[in-house]
N, C-alpha and C. Protein backbone atom coordinates (compact mmCIF):
# COMPACT_ATOMS: atom_id res chain seq x y z
N UNK A 1 91.86 115.28 115.14
CA UNK A 1 92.99 114.85 114.31
C UNK A 1 92.55 113.83 113.27
N UNK A 2 91.43 113.19 113.48
CA UNK A 2 90.95 112.21 112.51
C UNK A 2 90.68 112.88 111.16
N UNK A 3 90.09 114.08 111.20
CA UNK A 3 89.84 114.81 109.97
C UNK A 3 91.15 115.13 109.26
N UNK A 4 92.17 115.50 110.02
CA UNK A 4 93.48 115.81 109.45
C UNK A 4 94.04 114.59 108.74
N UNK A 5 93.96 113.44 109.39
CA UNK A 5 94.48 112.22 108.78
C UNK A 5 93.75 111.89 107.48
N UNK A 6 92.43 112.04 107.48
CA UNK A 6 91.65 111.77 106.27
C UNK A 6 92.02 112.74 105.15
N UNK A 7 92.14 114.02 105.48
CA UNK A 7 92.50 115.02 104.48
C UNK A 7 93.91 114.78 103.96
N UNK A 8 94.82 114.49 104.86
CA UNK A 8 96.21 114.22 104.48
C UNK A 8 96.27 113.04 103.52
N UNK A 9 95.60 111.97 103.88
CA UNK A 9 95.62 110.75 103.06
C UNK A 9 95.00 111.00 101.68
N UNK A 10 93.96 111.81 101.62
CA UNK A 10 93.33 112.12 100.33
C UNK A 10 94.29 112.89 99.43
N UNK A 11 95.03 113.84 99.99
CA UNK A 11 96.02 114.59 99.22
C UNK A 11 97.10 113.65 98.71
N UNK A 12 97.60 112.79 99.58
CA UNK A 12 98.67 111.86 99.18
C UNK A 12 98.17 110.92 98.09
N UNK A 13 96.95 110.44 98.20
CA UNK A 13 96.40 109.57 97.14
C UNK A 13 96.38 110.30 95.79
N UNK A 14 95.98 111.56 95.79
CA UNK A 14 95.95 112.35 94.56
C UNK A 14 97.36 112.50 93.99
N UNK A 15 98.32 112.78 94.85
CA UNK A 15 99.70 112.95 94.39
C UNK A 15 100.28 111.65 93.85
N UNK A 16 100.05 110.57 94.55
CA UNK A 16 100.59 109.27 94.13
C UNK A 16 99.92 108.81 92.84
N UNK A 17 98.65 109.11 92.66
CA UNK A 17 97.97 108.75 91.40
C UNK A 17 98.64 109.44 90.21
N UNK A 18 98.98 110.71 90.36
CA UNK A 18 99.68 111.41 89.28
C UNK A 18 101.09 110.85 89.10
N UNK A 19 101.78 110.57 90.21
CA UNK A 19 103.12 109.97 90.15
C UNK A 19 103.08 108.67 89.35
N UNK A 20 102.08 107.83 89.61
CA UNK A 20 101.96 106.55 88.90
C UNK A 20 101.77 106.76 87.41
N UNK A 21 100.92 107.71 87.03
CA UNK A 21 100.69 107.98 85.61
C UNK A 21 101.97 108.48 84.93
N UNK A 22 102.69 109.35 85.61
CA UNK A 22 103.94 109.86 85.03
C UNK A 22 104.98 108.75 84.95
N UNK A 23 104.97 107.84 85.92
CA UNK A 23 105.91 106.72 85.88
C UNK A 23 105.60 105.80 84.69
N UNK A 24 104.33 105.68 84.35
CA UNK A 24 103.96 104.90 83.16
C UNK A 24 104.44 105.61 81.88
N UNK A 25 104.31 106.94 81.85
CA UNK A 25 104.73 107.72 80.68
C UNK A 25 106.24 107.81 80.54
N UNK A 26 106.93 108.08 81.66
CA UNK A 26 108.36 108.41 81.62
C UNK A 26 109.27 107.37 82.25
N UNK A 27 108.68 106.36 82.86
CA UNK A 27 109.52 105.43 83.61
C UNK A 27 110.00 106.11 84.88
N UNK A 28 111.16 105.71 85.34
CA UNK A 28 111.69 106.29 86.58
C UNK A 28 112.99 107.03 86.30
N UNK A 29 112.96 107.81 85.22
CA UNK A 29 114.14 108.59 84.82
C UNK A 29 114.62 109.52 85.93
N UNK A 30 113.73 109.93 86.84
CA UNK A 30 114.09 110.82 87.93
C UNK A 30 115.15 110.22 88.85
N UNK A 31 115.34 108.92 88.80
CA UNK A 31 116.33 108.27 89.68
C UNK A 31 117.76 108.75 89.40
N UNK A 32 118.00 109.36 88.24
CA UNK A 32 119.35 109.86 87.95
C UNK A 32 119.59 111.25 88.55
N UNK A 33 118.53 111.89 89.04
CA UNK A 33 118.67 113.25 89.57
C UNK A 33 119.39 113.27 90.91
N UNK A 34 120.34 114.17 91.01
CA UNK A 34 120.95 114.43 92.31
C UNK A 34 119.94 115.17 93.17
N UNK A 35 120.07 115.04 94.48
CA UNK A 35 119.13 115.71 95.38
C UNK A 35 119.17 117.22 95.16
N UNK A 36 120.34 117.76 94.87
CA UNK A 36 120.43 119.20 94.63
C UNK A 36 119.61 119.62 93.41
N UNK A 37 119.50 118.76 92.42
CA UNK A 37 118.66 119.06 91.26
C UNK A 37 117.18 119.07 91.65
N UNK A 38 116.79 118.15 92.51
CA UNK A 38 115.42 118.14 93.01
C UNK A 38 115.15 119.37 93.87
N UNK A 39 116.14 119.78 94.64
CA UNK A 39 116.01 121.00 95.44
C UNK A 39 115.71 122.18 94.53
N UNK A 40 116.46 122.31 93.46
CA UNK A 40 116.24 123.41 92.53
C UNK A 40 114.87 123.32 91.85
N UNK A 41 114.46 122.12 91.49
CA UNK A 41 113.15 121.94 90.84
C UNK A 41 112.02 122.37 91.78
N UNK A 42 112.10 121.95 93.03
CA UNK A 42 111.06 122.31 93.99
C UNK A 42 111.10 123.81 94.28
N UNK A 43 112.31 124.37 94.32
CA UNK A 43 112.43 125.81 94.54
C UNK A 43 111.69 126.58 93.44
N UNK A 44 111.87 126.15 92.20
CA UNK A 44 111.19 126.80 91.07
C UNK A 44 109.67 126.72 91.25
N UNK A 45 109.17 125.56 91.65
CA UNK A 45 107.73 125.39 91.83
C UNK A 45 107.21 126.27 92.97
N UNK A 46 107.93 126.30 94.09
CA UNK A 46 107.49 127.11 95.22
C UNK A 46 107.57 128.60 94.89
N UNK A 47 108.60 129.00 94.17
CA UNK A 47 108.73 130.40 93.77
C UNK A 47 107.60 130.78 92.82
N UNK A 48 107.22 129.86 91.94
CA UNK A 48 106.11 130.12 91.02
C UNK A 48 104.81 130.31 91.80
N UNK A 49 104.58 129.49 92.81
CA UNK A 49 103.38 129.64 93.64
C UNK A 49 103.37 131.02 94.29
N UNK A 50 104.51 131.41 94.84
CA UNK A 50 104.59 132.72 95.49
C UNK A 50 104.30 133.85 94.49
N UNK A 51 104.85 133.73 93.28
CA UNK A 51 104.59 134.73 92.25
C UNK A 51 103.11 134.77 91.89
N UNK A 52 102.50 133.59 91.72
CA UNK A 52 101.07 133.55 91.41
C UNK A 52 100.24 134.18 92.52
N UNK A 53 100.64 133.93 93.76
CA UNK A 53 99.91 134.53 94.89
C UNK A 53 100.04 136.05 94.88
N UNK A 54 101.20 136.54 94.50
CA UNK A 54 101.43 137.98 94.52
C UNK A 54 100.81 138.67 93.31
N UNK A 55 100.90 138.04 92.15
CA UNK A 55 100.42 138.65 90.91
C UNK A 55 98.93 138.39 90.70
N UNK A 56 98.47 137.23 91.12
CA UNK A 56 97.06 136.92 91.01
C UNK A 56 96.60 136.34 89.69
N UNK A 57 97.52 136.04 88.79
CA UNK A 57 97.13 135.42 87.52
C UNK A 57 98.25 134.54 86.99
N UNK A 58 97.83 133.56 86.18
CA UNK A 58 98.78 132.66 85.54
C UNK A 58 98.69 132.85 84.04
N UNK A 59 99.83 132.98 83.40
CA UNK A 59 99.84 133.13 81.93
C UNK A 59 100.11 131.81 81.22
N UNK A 60 100.40 130.73 81.97
CA UNK A 60 100.61 129.43 81.34
C UNK A 60 99.48 128.46 81.64
N UNK A 61 98.45 128.92 82.33
CA UNK A 61 97.25 128.12 82.50
C UNK A 61 97.24 127.15 83.66
N UNK A 62 98.36 126.93 84.32
CA UNK A 62 98.36 126.03 85.48
C UNK A 62 98.36 126.85 86.74
N UNK A 63 97.57 126.42 87.70
CA UNK A 63 97.46 127.15 88.95
C UNK A 63 98.36 126.60 90.04
N UNK A 64 97.99 126.93 91.25
CA UNK A 64 98.79 126.59 92.42
C UNK A 64 98.71 125.11 92.76
N UNK A 65 97.54 124.52 92.65
CA UNK A 65 97.36 123.11 93.05
C UNK A 65 98.32 122.15 92.33
N UNK A 66 98.44 122.23 91.00
CA UNK A 66 99.40 121.32 90.35
C UNK A 66 100.84 121.53 90.83
N UNK A 67 101.19 122.75 91.17
CA UNK A 67 102.54 123.01 91.67
C UNK A 67 102.73 122.38 93.05
N UNK A 68 101.70 122.44 93.89
CA UNK A 68 101.80 121.80 95.21
C UNK A 68 101.92 120.28 95.08
N UNK A 69 101.17 119.71 94.15
CA UNK A 69 101.29 118.27 93.90
C UNK A 69 102.71 117.94 93.45
N UNK A 70 103.25 118.76 92.55
CA UNK A 70 104.63 118.57 92.11
C UNK A 70 105.61 118.66 93.26
N UNK A 71 105.41 119.62 94.15
CA UNK A 71 106.30 119.77 95.31
C UNK A 71 106.27 118.51 96.16
N UNK A 72 105.08 118.01 96.44
CA UNK A 72 104.96 116.81 97.27
C UNK A 72 105.66 115.63 96.60
N UNK A 73 105.42 115.43 95.32
CA UNK A 73 106.04 114.30 94.62
C UNK A 73 107.55 114.45 94.52
N UNK A 74 108.02 115.64 94.16
CA UNK A 74 109.47 115.85 94.08
C UNK A 74 110.14 115.73 95.44
N UNK A 75 109.48 116.22 96.48
CA UNK A 75 110.05 116.08 97.83
C UNK A 75 110.13 114.60 98.22
N UNK A 76 109.09 113.84 97.87
CA UNK A 76 109.14 112.40 98.11
C UNK A 76 110.27 111.74 97.35
N UNK A 77 110.46 112.16 96.09
CA UNK A 77 111.57 111.63 95.29
C UNK A 77 112.92 111.97 95.94
N UNK A 78 113.04 113.18 96.46
CA UNK A 78 114.28 113.58 97.12
C UNK A 78 114.56 112.67 98.32
N UNK A 79 113.51 112.37 99.08
CA UNK A 79 113.69 111.47 100.22
C UNK A 79 114.10 110.07 99.76
N UNK A 80 113.53 109.61 98.64
CA UNK A 80 113.93 108.32 98.07
C UNK A 80 115.40 108.37 97.67
N UNK A 81 115.80 109.44 96.99
CA UNK A 81 117.19 109.57 96.55
C UNK A 81 118.14 109.58 97.74
N UNK A 82 117.76 110.27 98.82
CA UNK A 82 118.60 110.29 100.02
C UNK A 82 118.77 108.89 100.59
N UNK A 83 117.71 108.10 100.52
CA UNK A 83 117.77 106.75 101.09
C UNK A 83 118.47 105.76 100.15
N UNK A 84 118.10 105.78 98.87
CA UNK A 84 118.61 104.78 97.92
C UNK A 84 119.87 105.21 97.18
N UNK A 85 120.11 106.52 97.15
CA UNK A 85 121.25 107.03 96.39
C UNK A 85 120.87 107.29 94.95
N UNK A 86 121.69 108.08 94.30
CA UNK A 86 121.51 108.44 92.90
C UNK A 86 122.11 107.35 92.04
N UNK A 87 121.48 107.06 90.90
CA UNK A 87 121.97 106.02 90.00
C UNK A 87 122.28 106.63 88.64
N UNK A 88 123.00 105.90 87.84
CA UNK A 88 123.38 106.36 86.50
C UNK A 88 122.29 106.12 85.46
N UNK A 89 121.44 105.14 85.73
CA UNK A 89 120.31 104.87 84.84
C UNK A 89 119.17 104.33 85.71
N UNK A 90 117.94 104.54 85.27
CA UNK A 90 116.79 104.12 86.07
C UNK A 90 116.89 102.64 86.47
N UNK A 91 116.64 102.38 87.74
CA UNK A 91 116.81 101.03 88.27
C UNK A 91 115.56 100.49 88.96
N UNK A 92 114.50 101.28 89.00
CA UNK A 92 113.27 100.84 89.65
C UNK A 92 112.15 100.74 88.63
N UNK A 93 111.31 99.75 88.80
CA UNK A 93 110.09 99.69 87.99
C UNK A 93 109.14 100.75 88.53
N UNK A 94 108.14 101.11 87.76
CA UNK A 94 107.15 102.05 88.29
C UNK A 94 106.53 101.58 89.61
N UNK A 95 106.27 100.29 89.73
CA UNK A 95 105.68 99.77 90.97
C UNK A 95 106.66 99.90 92.14
N UNK A 96 107.94 99.60 91.90
CA UNK A 96 108.95 99.75 92.95
C UNK A 96 109.12 101.21 93.35
N UNK A 97 109.07 102.10 92.35
CA UNK A 97 109.19 103.53 92.63
C UNK A 97 108.01 104.01 93.46
N UNK A 98 106.82 103.54 93.13
CA UNK A 98 105.62 103.91 93.89
C UNK A 98 105.76 103.47 95.34
N UNK A 99 106.22 102.25 95.55
CA UNK A 99 106.41 101.74 96.91
C UNK A 99 107.43 102.58 97.67
N UNK A 100 108.54 102.91 97.01
CA UNK A 100 109.58 103.72 97.66
C UNK A 100 109.03 105.11 98.00
N UNK A 101 108.29 105.71 97.07
CA UNK A 101 107.70 107.03 97.31
C UNK A 101 106.72 106.97 98.48
N UNK A 102 105.84 105.97 98.47
CA UNK A 102 104.86 105.85 99.56
C UNK A 102 105.53 105.64 100.91
N UNK A 103 106.61 104.90 100.94
CA UNK A 103 107.34 104.70 102.19
C UNK A 103 107.79 106.05 102.74
N UNK A 104 108.34 106.88 101.87
CA UNK A 104 108.83 108.19 102.32
C UNK A 104 107.68 109.13 102.69
N UNK A 105 106.62 109.14 101.90
CA UNK A 105 105.47 109.99 102.22
C UNK A 105 104.80 109.54 103.52
N UNK A 106 104.78 108.23 103.76
CA UNK A 106 104.23 107.74 105.03
C UNK A 106 105.11 108.14 106.21
N UNK A 107 106.42 108.19 105.99
CA UNK A 107 107.32 108.67 107.04
C UNK A 107 107.06 110.14 107.36
N UNK A 108 106.81 110.94 106.31
CA UNK A 108 106.48 112.35 106.53
C UNK A 108 105.14 112.46 107.27
N UNK A 109 104.21 111.60 106.92
CA UNK A 109 102.90 111.59 107.60
C UNK A 109 103.06 111.28 109.08
N UNK A 110 103.89 110.30 109.41
CA UNK A 110 104.13 109.96 110.81
C UNK A 110 104.72 111.14 111.57
N UNK A 111 105.66 111.83 110.93
CA UNK A 111 106.24 113.04 111.53
C UNK A 111 105.15 114.09 111.75
N UNK A 112 104.29 114.28 110.75
CA UNK A 112 103.20 115.25 110.87
C UNK A 112 102.32 114.93 112.06
N UNK A 113 101.98 113.66 112.25
CA UNK A 113 101.11 113.29 113.36
C UNK A 113 101.75 113.62 114.70
N UNK A 114 103.04 113.37 114.84
CA UNK A 114 103.73 113.69 116.09
C UNK A 114 103.77 115.20 116.32
N UNK A 115 104.15 115.94 115.28
CA UNK A 115 104.23 117.40 115.41
C UNK A 115 102.84 118.00 115.60
N UNK A 116 101.86 117.47 114.88
CA UNK A 116 100.51 117.99 114.97
C UNK A 116 99.97 117.83 116.38
N UNK A 117 100.32 116.74 117.03
CA UNK A 117 99.92 116.53 118.42
C UNK A 117 100.51 117.62 119.30
N UNK A 118 101.81 117.86 119.14
CA UNK A 118 102.50 118.83 119.99
C UNK A 118 102.10 120.27 119.71
N UNK A 119 101.81 120.59 118.45
CA UNK A 119 101.47 121.96 118.07
C UNK A 119 99.97 122.24 118.05
N UNK A 120 99.16 121.22 118.31
CA UNK A 120 97.73 121.43 118.40
C UNK A 120 97.07 121.90 117.11
N UNK A 121 97.52 121.37 115.99
CA UNK A 121 96.95 121.70 114.68
C UNK A 121 97.01 123.20 114.38
N UNK A 122 98.08 123.83 114.79
CA UNK A 122 98.26 125.27 114.55
C UNK A 122 98.22 125.61 113.07
N UNK A 123 98.61 124.67 112.21
CA UNK A 123 98.63 124.91 110.77
C UNK A 123 97.25 125.27 110.23
N UNK A 124 96.20 124.85 110.91
CA UNK A 124 94.85 125.15 110.45
C UNK A 124 94.53 126.65 110.52
N UNK A 125 95.33 127.40 111.27
CA UNK A 125 95.15 128.85 111.35
C UNK A 125 96.10 129.60 110.41
N UNK A 126 96.91 128.87 109.70
CA UNK A 126 97.91 129.52 108.84
C UNK A 126 97.35 129.82 107.46
N UNK A 127 97.90 130.85 106.86
CA UNK A 127 97.57 131.21 105.48
C UNK A 127 98.38 130.30 104.55
N UNK A 128 97.82 130.05 103.37
CA UNK A 128 98.54 129.27 102.36
C UNK A 128 99.84 129.99 101.99
N UNK A 129 99.79 131.32 101.92
CA UNK A 129 101.00 132.07 101.59
C UNK A 129 102.11 131.84 102.63
N UNK A 130 101.75 131.72 103.89
CA UNK A 130 102.75 131.46 104.92
C UNK A 130 103.34 130.06 104.78
N UNK A 131 102.50 129.11 104.43
CA UNK A 131 102.99 127.75 104.22
C UNK A 131 103.97 127.70 103.04
N UNK A 132 103.66 128.45 101.99
CA UNK A 132 104.57 128.51 100.84
C UNK A 132 105.89 129.18 101.25
N UNK A 133 105.81 130.24 102.04
CA UNK A 133 107.03 130.88 102.53
C UNK A 133 107.88 129.91 103.36
N UNK A 134 107.22 129.09 104.17
CA UNK A 134 107.96 128.10 104.96
C UNK A 134 108.63 127.07 104.06
N UNK A 135 107.96 126.68 102.99
CA UNK A 135 108.57 125.76 102.02
C UNK A 135 109.81 126.40 101.43
N UNK A 136 109.70 127.65 101.02
CA UNK A 136 110.86 128.35 100.45
C UNK A 136 112.00 128.46 101.46
N UNK A 137 111.67 128.76 102.71
CA UNK A 137 112.70 128.83 103.74
C UNK A 137 113.40 127.47 103.92
N UNK A 138 112.62 126.41 103.97
CA UNK A 138 113.20 125.06 104.11
C UNK A 138 114.11 124.74 102.92
N UNK A 139 113.70 125.15 101.73
CA UNK A 139 114.53 124.92 100.54
C UNK A 139 115.84 125.69 100.63
N UNK A 140 115.79 126.91 101.12
CA UNK A 140 117.04 127.68 101.30
C UNK A 140 117.92 127.02 102.34
N UNK A 141 117.33 126.47 103.38
CA UNK A 141 118.11 125.72 104.38
C UNK A 141 118.76 124.50 103.74
N UNK A 142 117.98 123.77 102.94
CA UNK A 142 118.51 122.58 102.27
C UNK A 142 119.68 122.98 101.36
N UNK A 143 119.51 124.07 100.61
CA UNK A 143 120.60 124.53 99.73
C UNK A 143 121.85 124.84 100.55
N UNK A 144 121.69 125.46 101.69
CA UNK A 144 122.86 125.76 102.54
C UNK A 144 123.53 124.49 103.02
N UNK A 145 122.72 123.53 103.44
CA UNK A 145 123.29 122.25 103.90
C UNK A 145 123.99 121.54 102.74
N UNK A 146 123.37 121.54 101.57
CA UNK A 146 123.99 120.92 100.39
C UNK A 146 125.30 121.61 100.05
N UNK A 147 125.31 122.93 100.11
CA UNK A 147 126.54 123.69 99.81
C UNK A 147 127.62 123.44 100.85
N UNK A 148 127.21 122.98 102.03
CA UNK A 148 128.15 122.68 103.11
C UNK A 148 128.42 121.17 103.19
N UNK A 149 128.26 120.49 102.06
CA UNK A 149 128.52 119.05 101.96
C UNK A 149 127.72 118.22 102.96
N UNK A 150 126.52 118.68 103.29
CA UNK A 150 125.64 117.92 104.17
C UNK A 150 125.93 118.06 105.65
N UNK A 151 126.89 118.88 106.00
CA UNK A 151 127.28 119.01 107.41
C UNK A 151 126.47 120.12 108.09
N UNK A 152 126.05 119.82 109.30
CA UNK A 152 125.38 120.82 110.14
C UNK A 152 126.02 120.77 111.53
N UNK A 153 125.95 121.87 112.23
CA UNK A 153 126.48 121.91 113.59
C UNK A 153 125.40 121.52 114.60
N UNK A 154 124.24 122.14 114.49
CA UNK A 154 123.17 121.88 115.45
C UNK A 154 121.82 121.67 114.79
N UNK A 155 121.76 121.80 113.50
CA UNK A 155 120.48 121.77 112.80
C UNK A 155 120.12 120.36 112.35
N UNK A 156 118.80 120.18 112.14
CA UNK A 156 118.34 118.91 111.59
C UNK A 156 118.87 118.75 110.17
N UNK A 157 118.90 117.54 109.69
CA UNK A 157 119.48 117.27 108.39
C UNK A 157 118.53 117.54 107.24
N UNK A 158 119.03 117.25 106.05
CA UNK A 158 118.27 117.48 104.83
C UNK A 158 116.97 116.68 104.82
N UNK A 159 117.03 115.44 105.27
CA UNK A 159 115.83 114.60 105.23
C UNK A 159 114.69 115.17 106.06
N UNK A 160 114.98 115.72 107.22
CA UNK A 160 113.94 116.31 108.06
C UNK A 160 113.32 117.53 107.38
N UNK A 161 114.15 118.31 106.70
CA UNK A 161 113.63 119.47 105.98
C UNK A 161 112.72 119.04 104.82
N UNK A 162 113.11 117.98 104.11
CA UNK A 162 112.26 117.48 103.02
C UNK A 162 110.93 116.98 103.56
N UNK A 163 110.95 116.28 104.70
CA UNK A 163 109.69 115.79 105.29
C UNK A 163 108.80 116.97 105.68
N UNK A 164 109.40 118.03 106.21
CA UNK A 164 108.61 119.22 106.54
C UNK A 164 108.01 119.84 105.28
N UNK A 165 108.77 119.85 104.19
CA UNK A 165 108.25 120.40 102.94
C UNK A 165 107.03 119.61 102.46
N UNK A 166 107.12 118.29 102.53
CA UNK A 166 105.96 117.46 102.18
C UNK A 166 104.76 117.90 103.01
N UNK A 167 104.96 118.02 104.32
CA UNK A 167 103.84 118.34 105.20
C UNK A 167 103.30 119.74 104.98
N UNK A 168 104.17 120.72 104.77
CA UNK A 168 103.68 122.08 104.50
C UNK A 168 102.89 122.12 103.20
N UNK A 169 103.34 121.38 102.19
CA UNK A 169 102.63 121.37 100.92
C UNK A 169 101.27 120.67 101.05
N UNK A 170 101.21 119.59 101.81
CA UNK A 170 99.92 118.93 102.05
C UNK A 170 99.00 119.90 102.79
N UNK A 171 99.52 120.56 103.82
CA UNK A 171 98.70 121.53 104.56
C UNK A 171 98.20 122.63 103.63
N UNK A 172 99.06 123.11 102.73
CA UNK A 172 98.66 124.16 101.80
C UNK A 172 97.53 123.69 100.90
N UNK A 173 97.59 122.43 100.47
CA UNK A 173 96.51 121.90 99.63
C UNK A 173 95.21 121.81 100.42
N UNK A 174 95.29 121.34 101.66
CA UNK A 174 94.09 121.23 102.49
C UNK A 174 93.52 122.61 102.77
N UNK A 175 94.38 123.55 103.13
CA UNK A 175 93.89 124.92 103.42
C UNK A 175 93.28 125.55 102.17
N UNK A 176 93.86 125.29 101.00
CA UNK A 176 93.31 125.82 99.75
C UNK A 176 91.92 125.24 99.49
N UNK A 177 91.78 123.95 99.73
CA UNK A 177 90.48 123.30 99.55
C UNK A 177 89.43 123.89 100.49
N UNK A 178 89.87 124.32 101.66
CA UNK A 178 88.97 124.90 102.64
C UNK A 178 88.69 126.38 102.37
N UNK A 179 89.32 126.91 101.32
CA UNK A 179 89.08 128.29 100.96
C UNK A 179 89.94 129.31 101.69
N UNK A 180 91.02 128.85 102.28
CA UNK A 180 91.92 129.78 103.03
C UNK A 180 92.76 130.61 102.09
């Protein structure tokens, strides 16, 4: 599991580094986004990955890795929005936004460690395409919960699904790096 933690942390560092650069360029304009808007944005990115996997080529020059980074960052933003709420105008400095994002990504990491213990690192045998399909499934679940005003009868809430999306996307990046 030590290797998993190192790989996970390396992926998160890469994602947060890009988040910081974008926060310098754009500020924290994303704070006005409703979680449902982030759901749709991540859905588009995951669907694009699936299309690239099926078609085998990109006509806009960006591959799967940048989309996975986007998924991780947007999922982290969604978790921040769930915790802090949506605002009418940006209210966080880039440094505050980074701290909030890291808090949520670290929470997803903690969940991964618990699940990874129980599942015995089963994700290491999974295909990247399966991980992307799981992300899409989680997004469809989130959309259903959002359409139902956040109410569930027996299912985990939106936040748990977002944390799983972070983890599946990190796993997909690690598996891609390993040539899976």
